[in-house]
Each structure stands twice: as structure tokens, then as C-alpha cells.
């Protein structure tokens, strides 16, 4: 929750260090340090650290989606040019549309959601704008729900939680008090 929460708070309040995922990376490092202190195995600490970093790097995009779903306004934008596609240098095969708002002012970001092979200059796309201007506008997919941005993080978060629990449980199974020793065997009765 801390990793995703810092990204959402950063996007919501416009704090760049948190919105960019840096706060989530600090949380992931703190979790790995905690697991190291409780003497979880190095392999488990490494797995948790990698999962935490992956979640922290994915969280900023989801946070922008949450902010736009909660306080964004959707408006039409006119496509001015279309680039990309399967043979594009970007390697993702996405089409990128440059768009202008209703007043003819070009947006600084290119939109890929809703921009398809059939999109031509002069077409309109639905674009979500932050009412406070703290996050960049993005295209709106048809039929998207407000919970969609966080659904993509569910698998990463669940895997991180499970790996962290295994590491903590494993650390307690491996560490025993110094005074612990197996109980001596009880003498067996002899037939006297």
C-alpha cells in the first residue's frame, strides 16, 4: 500500500518525487532492509526487492489514471497527425496521435489510447484532462472504469505481499534463541 499510495498521493497533490515513483522505490528499499534485519534469506530478500522495484516503477502510470478517473474531465481533441504503428521505431507498435484542444492549442503529449490505424488527421479523440492541471492529459479508452488503473497493479502487489509473508515466516523459522537446545532424551525404563 505504501508503494502505490505514495505514487497516488504524489500525482494527486502534484509532488514530483512521489508522482515519479521515487517514494515507492524508497518504500521498496525499506521493506528489503526490514527483511534483511529480521534475517530473511538473501534469495527471498532479493525477490521481494525486485518485486518492490517493479511495482514502484508501474505505480506512477496507474496513479495518473486514478487522478484522471476521479477529478478529470473528458473533452474532444482534434487529431493533427498520426505516427507509429507496427513498423515504428518506438518498438511497441502503437499509433501516436498529436492532438489539439477545442481552441486549436496543440497538446504537449501525444495520445496513444484511442489512436488506431484508422485514425486520420481531423478525427476527434476523447482526452481526459486534470481539472487542476497536475497530471498530463491522456486518451480515454471506451468502456474504461475508474478502478481499471489499479487492476493492472493487482498481480504485482499480490505477488509482493505473498513473497514478503514467506520471507518473514521463513526468517522466524530459521532464527532460534541462542539458549535453545533440543530436549534431552528421556531415560527408558530398564527391566529391574
C-alpha atoms as a PDB file:
ATOM      1  CA  UNK A   1       0.000   0.000   0.000  1.00  0.00           C
ATOM      2  CA  UNK A   2       2.846   2.363   0.754  1.00  0.00           C
ATOM      3  CA  UNK A   3       4.439   1.880  -2.663  1.00  0.00           C
ATOM      4  CA  UNK A   4       1.231   2.527  -4.609  1.00  0.00           C
ATOM      5  CA  UNK A   5      -0.074   5.057  -2.076  1.00  0.00           C
ATOM      6  CA  UNK A   6       2.953   7.320  -2.425  1.00  0.00           C
ATOM      7  CA  UNK A   7       2.546   7.409  -6.198  1.00  0.00           C
ATOM      8  CA  UNK A   8      -1.174   8.200  -5.938  1.00  0.00           C
ATOM      9  CA  UNK A   9      -0.550  10.900  -3.311  1.00  0.00           C
ATOM     10  CA  UNK A  10       2.218  12.391  -5.435  1.00  0.00           C
ATOM     11  CA  UNK A  11       0.011  12.544  -8.529  1.00  0.00           C
ATOM     12  CA  UNK A  12      -2.980  13.844  -6.548  1.00  0.00           C
ATOM     13  CA  UNK A  13      -1.072  16.664  -4.814  1.00  0.00           C
ATOM     14  CA  UNK A  14       1.469  17.341  -7.577  1.00  0.00           C
ATOM     15  CA  UNK A  15       4.587  16.247  -5.666  1.00  0.00           C
ATOM     16  CA  UNK A  16       7.068  15.234  -8.390  1.00  0.00           C
ATOM     17  CA  UNK A  17       9.296  12.956  -6.272  1.00  0.00           C
ATOM     18  CA  UNK A  18       6.338  10.858  -5.207  1.00  0.00           C
ATOM     19  CA  UNK A  19       4.463  11.022  -8.504  1.00  0.00           C
ATOM     20  CA  UNK A  20       7.506   9.737 -10.411  1.00  0.00           C
ATOM     21  CA  UNK A  21       7.774   6.620  -8.234  1.00  0.00           C
ATOM     22  CA  UNK A  22      10.800   7.669  -6.193  1.00  0.00           C
ATOM     23  CA  UNK A  23       8.813   7.425  -2.957  1.00  0.00           C
ATOM     24  CA  UNK A  24       7.762   3.902  -3.931  1.00  0.00           C
ATOM     25  CA  UNK A  25      11.382   2.959  -4.540  1.00  0.00           C
ATOM     26  CA  UNK A  26      12.247   4.188  -1.034  1.00  0.00           C
ATOM     27  CA  UNK A  27       9.396   2.071   0.374  1.00  0.00           C
ATOM     28  CA  UNK A  28      10.646  -0.986  -1.549  1.00  0.00           C
ATOM     29  CA  UNK A  29      14.167  -0.420  -0.212  1.00  0.00           C
ATOM     30  CA  UNK A  30      12.841  -0.044   3.347  1.00  0.00           C
ATOM     31  CA  UNK A  31      10.932  -3.327   3.011  1.00  0.00           C
ATOM     32  CA  UNK A  32      14.054  -5.115   1.753  1.00  0.00           C
ATOM     33  CA  UNK A  33      16.087  -3.624   4.600  1.00  0.00           C
ATOM     34  CA  UNK A  34      13.495  -4.744   7.142  1.00  0.00           C
ATOM     35  CA  UNK A  35      13.573  -8.283   5.754  1.00  0.00           C
ATOM     36  CA  UNK A  36      17.355  -8.252   5.918  1.00  0.00           C
ATOM     37  CA  UNK A  37      17.233  -7.109   9.571  1.00  0.00           C
ATOM     38  CA  UNK A  38      14.865  -9.942  10.517  1.00  0.00           C
ATOM     39  CA  UNK A  39      17.290 -12.302   8.783  1.00  0.00           C
ATOM     40  CA  UNK A  40      15.150 -13.461   5.928  1.00  0.00           C
ATOM     41  CA  UNK A  41      17.142 -15.411   3.366  1.00  0.00           C
ATOM     42  CA  UNK A  42      19.107 -13.419   0.824  1.00  0.00           C
ATOM     43  CA  UNK A  43      17.243 -15.002  -2.066  1.00  0.00           C
ATOM     44  CA  UNK A  44      13.872 -14.054  -0.571  1.00  0.00           C
ATOM     45  CA  UNK A  45      15.064 -10.522   0.161  1.00  0.00           C
ATOM     46  CA  UNK A  46      16.257 -10.246  -3.451  1.00  0.00           C
ATOM     47  CA  UNK A  47      12.933 -11.481  -4.811  1.00  0.00           C
ATOM     48  CA  UNK A  48      10.994  -9.033  -2.630  1.00  0.00           C
ATOM     49  CA  UNK A  49      13.324  -6.178  -3.629  1.00  0.00           C
ATOM     50  CA  UNK A  50      12.864  -6.880  -7.358  1.00  0.00           C
ATOM     51  CA  UNK A  51       9.084  -7.160  -6.996  1.00  0.00           C
ATOM     52  CA  UNK A  52       9.004  -3.932  -4.969  1.00  0.00           C
ATOM     53  CA  UNK A  53      11.020  -2.056  -7.594  1.00  0.00           C
ATOM     54  CA  UNK A  54       8.780  -3.373 -10.395  1.00  0.00           C
ATOM     55  CA  UNK A  55       5.666  -2.284  -8.520  1.00  0.00           C
ATOM     56  CA  UNK A  56       7.200   1.140  -7.778  1.00  0.00           C
ATOM     57  CA  UNK A  57       8.005   1.631 -11.467  1.00  0.00           C
ATOM     58  CA  UNK A  58       4.499   0.630 -12.608  1.00  0.00           C
ATOM     59  CA  UNK A  59       2.632   2.637  -9.955  1.00  0.00           C
ATOM     60  CA  UNK A  60       3.086   6.169 -11.420  1.00  0.00           C
ATOM     61  CA  UNK A  61       1.074   5.409 -14.585  1.00  0.00           C
ATOM     62  CA  UNK A  62      -1.686   3.827 -12.519  1.00  0.00           C
ATOM     63  CA  UNK A  63      -1.656   6.843 -10.184  1.00  0.00           C
ATOM     64  CA  UNK A  64      -2.208   9.214 -13.117  1.00  0.00           C
ATOM     65  CA  UNK A  65      -5.116   7.021 -14.196  1.00  0.00           C
ATOM     66  CA  UNK A  66      -6.638   7.205 -10.701  1.00  0.00           C
ATOM     67  CA  UNK A  67      -6.340  11.005 -10.607  1.00  0.00           C
ATOM     68  CA  UNK A  68      -7.888  11.387 -14.063  1.00  0.00           C
ATOM     69  CA  UNK A  69     -10.679   8.946 -13.186  1.00  0.00           C
ATOM     70  CA  UNK A  70     -11.539  10.870 -10.022  1.00  0.00           C
ATOM     71  CA  UNK A  71     -11.206  14.506 -10.995  1.00  0.00           C
ATOM     72  CA  UNK A  72     -10.531  14.510 -14.726  1.00  0.00           C
ATOM     73  CA  UNK A  73     -12.835  15.971 -17.314  1.00  0.00           C
ATOM     74  CA  UNK A  74     -13.198  14.373 -20.724  1.00  0.00           C
ATOM     75  CA  UNK A  75     -13.191  16.602 -23.802  1.00  0.00           C
ATOM     76  CA  UNK A  76     -12.793  16.076 -27.508  1.00  0.00           C
ATOM     77  CA  UNK A  77      -9.463  16.817 -29.143  1.00  0.00           C
ATOM     78  CA  UNK A  78      -8.751  17.065 -32.862  1.00  0.00           C
ATOM     79  CA  UNK A  79      -6.061  14.817 -34.311  1.00  0.00           C
ATOM     80  CA  UNK A  80      -3.391  16.817 -36.143  1.00  0.00           C
ATOM     81  CA  UNK A  81      -1.067  13.944 -37.107  1.00  0.00           C
ATOM     82  CA  UNK A  82      -0.675  10.183 -36.669  1.00  0.00           C
ATOM     83  CA  UNK A  83       2.667   8.431 -36.254  1.00  0.00           C
ATOM     84  CA  UNK A  84       3.865   4.976 -35.354  1.00  0.00           C
ATOM     85  CA  UNK A  85       2.320   1.616 -35.947  1.00  0.00           C
ATOM     86  CA  UNK A  86       3.782  -1.882 -36.245  1.00  0.00           C
ATOM     87  CA  UNK A  87       6.909  -0.764 -38.131  1.00  0.00           C
ATOM     88  CA  UNK A  88       7.642   2.257 -35.932  1.00  0.00           C
ATOM     89  CA  UNK A  89      10.958   2.875 -34.225  1.00  0.00           C
ATOM     90  CA  UNK A  90       9.225   3.008 -30.823  1.00  0.00           C
ATOM     91  CA  UNK A  91       9.098  -0.789 -30.881  1.00  0.00           C
ATOM     92  CA  UNK A  92       5.691  -1.000 -29.215  1.00  0.00           C
ATOM     93  CA  UNK A  93       3.696  -0.918 -32.411  1.00  0.00           C
ATOM     94  CA  UNK A  94       1.420   1.797 -31.042  1.00  0.00           C
ATOM     95  CA  UNK A  95      -0.028   4.595 -33.053  1.00  0.00           C
ATOM     96  CA  UNK A  96       0.645   8.029 -31.563  1.00  0.00           C
ATOM     97  CA  UNK A  97      -1.654  10.947 -32.288  1.00  0.00           C
ATOM     98  CA  UNK A  98      -0.697  14.571 -31.939  1.00  0.00           C
ATOM     99  CA  UNK A  99      -3.835  16.454 -30.946  1.00  0.00           C
ATOM    100  CA  UNK A 100      -5.065  19.992 -30.396  1.00  0.00           C
ATOM    101  CA  UNK A 101      -7.725  21.055 -27.914  1.00  0.00           C
ATOM    102  CA  UNK A 102     -11.009  22.720 -28.880  1.00  0.00           C
ATOM    103  CA  UNK A 103      -9.293  26.123 -29.073  1.00  0.00           C
ATOM    104  CA  UNK A 104      -6.680  24.785 -31.519  1.00  0.00           C
ATOM    105  CA  UNK A 105      -3.854  24.746 -28.973  1.00  0.00           C
ATOM    106  CA  UNK A 106      -1.655  21.647 -29.506  1.00  0.00           C
ATOM    107  CA  UNK A 107      -1.147  19.383 -26.503  1.00  0.00           C
ATOM    108  CA  UNK A 108       2.436  18.765 -25.408  1.00  0.00           C
ATOM    109  CA  UNK A 109       1.867  15.000 -25.155  1.00  0.00           C
ATOM    110  CA  UNK A 110       0.969  12.542 -27.880  1.00  0.00           C
ATOM    111  CA  UNK A 111      -2.027  10.301 -27.255  1.00  0.00           C
ATOM    112  CA  UNK A 112      -1.988   6.543 -27.890  1.00  0.00           C
ATOM    113  CA  UNK A 113      -5.240   5.456 -26.221  1.00  0.00           C
ATOM    114  CA  UNK A 114      -7.883   5.656 -28.906  1.00  0.00           C
ATOM    115  CA  UNK A 115      -5.320   6.331 -31.646  1.00  0.00           C
ATOM    116  CA  UNK A 116      -5.571   3.485 -34.138  1.00  0.00           C
ATOM    117  CA  UNK A 117      -4.577   2.540 -37.657  1.00  0.00           C
ATOM    118  CA  UNK A 118      -7.827   4.007 -38.997  1.00  0.00           C
ATOM    119  CA  UNK A 119      -7.359   7.366 -37.196  1.00  0.00           C
ATOM    120  CA  UNK A 120      -6.696  10.271 -39.564  1.00  0.00           C
ATOM    121  CA  UNK A 121      -5.930  13.993 -39.082  1.00  0.00           C
ATOM    122  CA  UNK A 122      -9.184  15.840 -38.434  1.00  0.00           C
ATOM    123  CA  UNK A 123     -10.736  12.978 -36.424  1.00  0.00           C
ATOM    124  CA  UNK A 124     -11.618  13.574 -32.790  1.00  0.00           C
ATOM    125  CA  UNK A 125     -10.419  11.624 -29.756  1.00  0.00           C
ATOM    126  CA  UNK A 126     -11.691  11.692 -26.202  1.00  0.00           C
ATOM    127  CA  UNK A 127      -8.961  13.083 -23.939  1.00  0.00           C
ATOM    128  CA  UNK A 128      -9.084  13.301 -20.122  1.00  0.00           C
ATOM    129  CA  UNK A 129      -7.683  16.483 -18.579  1.00  0.00           C
ATOM    130  CA  UNK A 130      -6.874  17.003 -14.903  1.00  0.00           C
ATOM    131  CA  UNK A 131      -9.051  19.832 -13.607  1.00  0.00           C
ATOM    132  CA  UNK A 132      -6.088  21.131 -11.560  1.00  0.00           C
ATOM    133  CA  UNK A 133      -3.507  20.589 -14.305  1.00  0.00           C
ATOM    134  CA  UNK A 134      -1.223  18.472 -12.101  1.00  0.00           C
ATOM    135  CA  UNK A 135      -1.058  15.425 -14.402  1.00  0.00           C
ATOM    136  CA  UNK A 136      -0.651  15.215 -18.152  1.00  0.00           C
ATOM    137  CA  UNK A 137      -3.726  14.591 -20.299  1.00  0.00           C
ATOM    138  CA  UNK A 138      -4.250  11.129 -21.752  1.00  0.00           C
ATOM    139  CA  UNK A 139      -6.601   9.434 -24.144  1.00  0.00           C
ATOM    140  CA  UNK A 140      -9.712   7.715 -22.857  1.00  0.00           C
ATOM    141  CA  UNK A 141     -10.466   4.127 -23.762  1.00  0.00           C
ATOM    142  CA  UNK A 142     -14.084   3.254 -24.426  1.00  0.00           C
ATOM    143  CA  UNK A 143     -15.737   1.407 -21.535  1.00  0.00           C
ATOM    144  CA  UNK A 144     -12.950   2.092 -19.004  1.00  0.00           C
ATOM    145  CA  UNK A 145     -13.939   2.122 -15.338  1.00  0.00           C
ATOM    146  CA  UNK A 146     -12.316   4.191 -12.551  1.00  0.00           C
ATOM    147  CA  UNK A 147     -10.832   1.022 -10.989  1.00  0.00           C
ATOM    148  CA  UNK A 148      -9.055  -0.057 -14.191  1.00  0.00           C
ATOM    149  CA  UNK A 149      -5.788   1.803 -13.487  1.00  0.00           C
ATOM    150  CA  UNK A 150      -5.218  -0.124 -10.255  1.00  0.00           C
ATOM    151  CA  UNK A 151      -6.242  -3.522 -11.646  1.00  0.00           C
ATOM    152  CA  UNK A 152      -3.004  -3.752 -13.575  1.00  0.00           C
ATOM    153  CA  UNK A 153      -1.066  -3.487 -10.320  1.00  0.00           C
ATOM    154  CA  UNK A 154      -3.083  -6.182  -8.535  1.00  0.00           C
ATOM    155  CA  UNK A 155      -0.934  -9.101  -9.659  1.00  0.00           C
ATOM    156  CA  UNK A 156       2.316  -7.319  -8.814  1.00  0.00           C
ATOM    157  CA  UNK A 157       1.009  -6.246  -5.390  1.00  0.00           C
ATOM    158  CA  UNK A 158      -0.335  -9.712  -4.555  1.00  0.00           C
ATOM    159  CA  UNK A 159       2.946 -11.358  -5.541  1.00  0.00           C
ATOM    160  CA  UNK A 160       4.901  -8.845  -3.444  1.00  0.00           C
ATOM    161  CA  UNK A 161       2.661  -9.466  -0.431  1.00  0.00           C
ATOM    162  CA  UNK A 162       2.996 -13.243  -0.706  1.00  0.00           C
ATOM    163  CA  UNK A 163       6.781 -13.068  -1.161  1.00  0.00           C
ATOM    164  CA  UNK A 164       7.080 -10.724   1.833  1.00  0.00           C
ATOM    165  CA  UNK A 165       4.969 -13.022   4.004  1.00  0.00           C
ATOM    166  CA  UNK A 166       7.039 -16.055   3.001  1.00  0.00           C
ATOM    167  CA  UNK A 167      10.240 -14.143   3.784  1.00  0.00           C
ATOM    168  CA  UNK A 168       9.009 -13.078   7.230  1.00  0.00           C
ATOM    169  CA  UNK A 169       7.696 -16.537   8.128  1.00  0.00           C
ATOM    170  CA  UNK A 170      10.878 -18.139   6.853  1.00  0.00           C
ATOM    171  CA  UNK A 171      13.003 -15.718   8.905  1.00  0.00           C
ATOM    172  CA  UNK A 172      11.218 -16.717  12.118  1.00  0.00           C
ATOM    173  CA  UNK A 173      11.599 -20.403  11.329  1.00  0.00           C
ATOM    174  CA  UNK A 174      15.330 -20.003  10.757  1.00  0.00           C
ATOM    175  CA  UNK A 175      16.117 -17.901  13.815  1.00  0.00           C
ATOM    176  CA  UNK A 176      16.014 -19.562  17.206  1.00  0.00           C
ATOM    177  CA  UNK A 177      17.022 -18.138  20.539  1.00  0.00           C
ATOM    178  CA  UNK A 178      20.670 -18.756  21.477  1.00  0.00           C
ATOM    179  CA  UNK A 179      19.637 -20.683  24.593  1.00  0.00           C
ATOM    180  CA  UNK A 180      17.549 -23.124  22.586  1.00  0.00           C
ATOM    181  CA  UNK A 181      18.653 -26.712  22.626  1.00  0.00           C
ATOM    182  CA  UNK A 182      16.798 -29.897  21.907  1.00  0.00           C
ATOM    183  CA  UNK A 183      15.278 -31.540  24.951  1.00  0.00           C
ATOM    184  CA  UNK A 184      17.333 -34.417  26.274  1.00  0.00           C
ATOM    185  CA  UNK A 185      16.008 -37.850  25.593  1.00  0.00           C
ATOM    186  CA  UNK A 186      14.050 -39.293  28.478  1.00  0.00           C
ATOM    187  CA  UNK A 187      15.647 -42.357  30.020  1.00  0.00           C
ATOM    188  CA  UNK A 188      13.975 -45.545  29.040  1.00  0.00           C
ATOM    189  CA  UNK A 189      12.877 -47.819  31.836  1.00  0.00           C
ATOM    190  CA  UNK A 190      15.005 -50.844  32.329  1.00  0.00           C
ATOM    191  CA  UNK A 191      13.572 -54.080  33.468  1.00  0.00           C
ATOM    192  CA  UNK A 192      14.898 -54.432  37.057  1.00  0.00           C
END
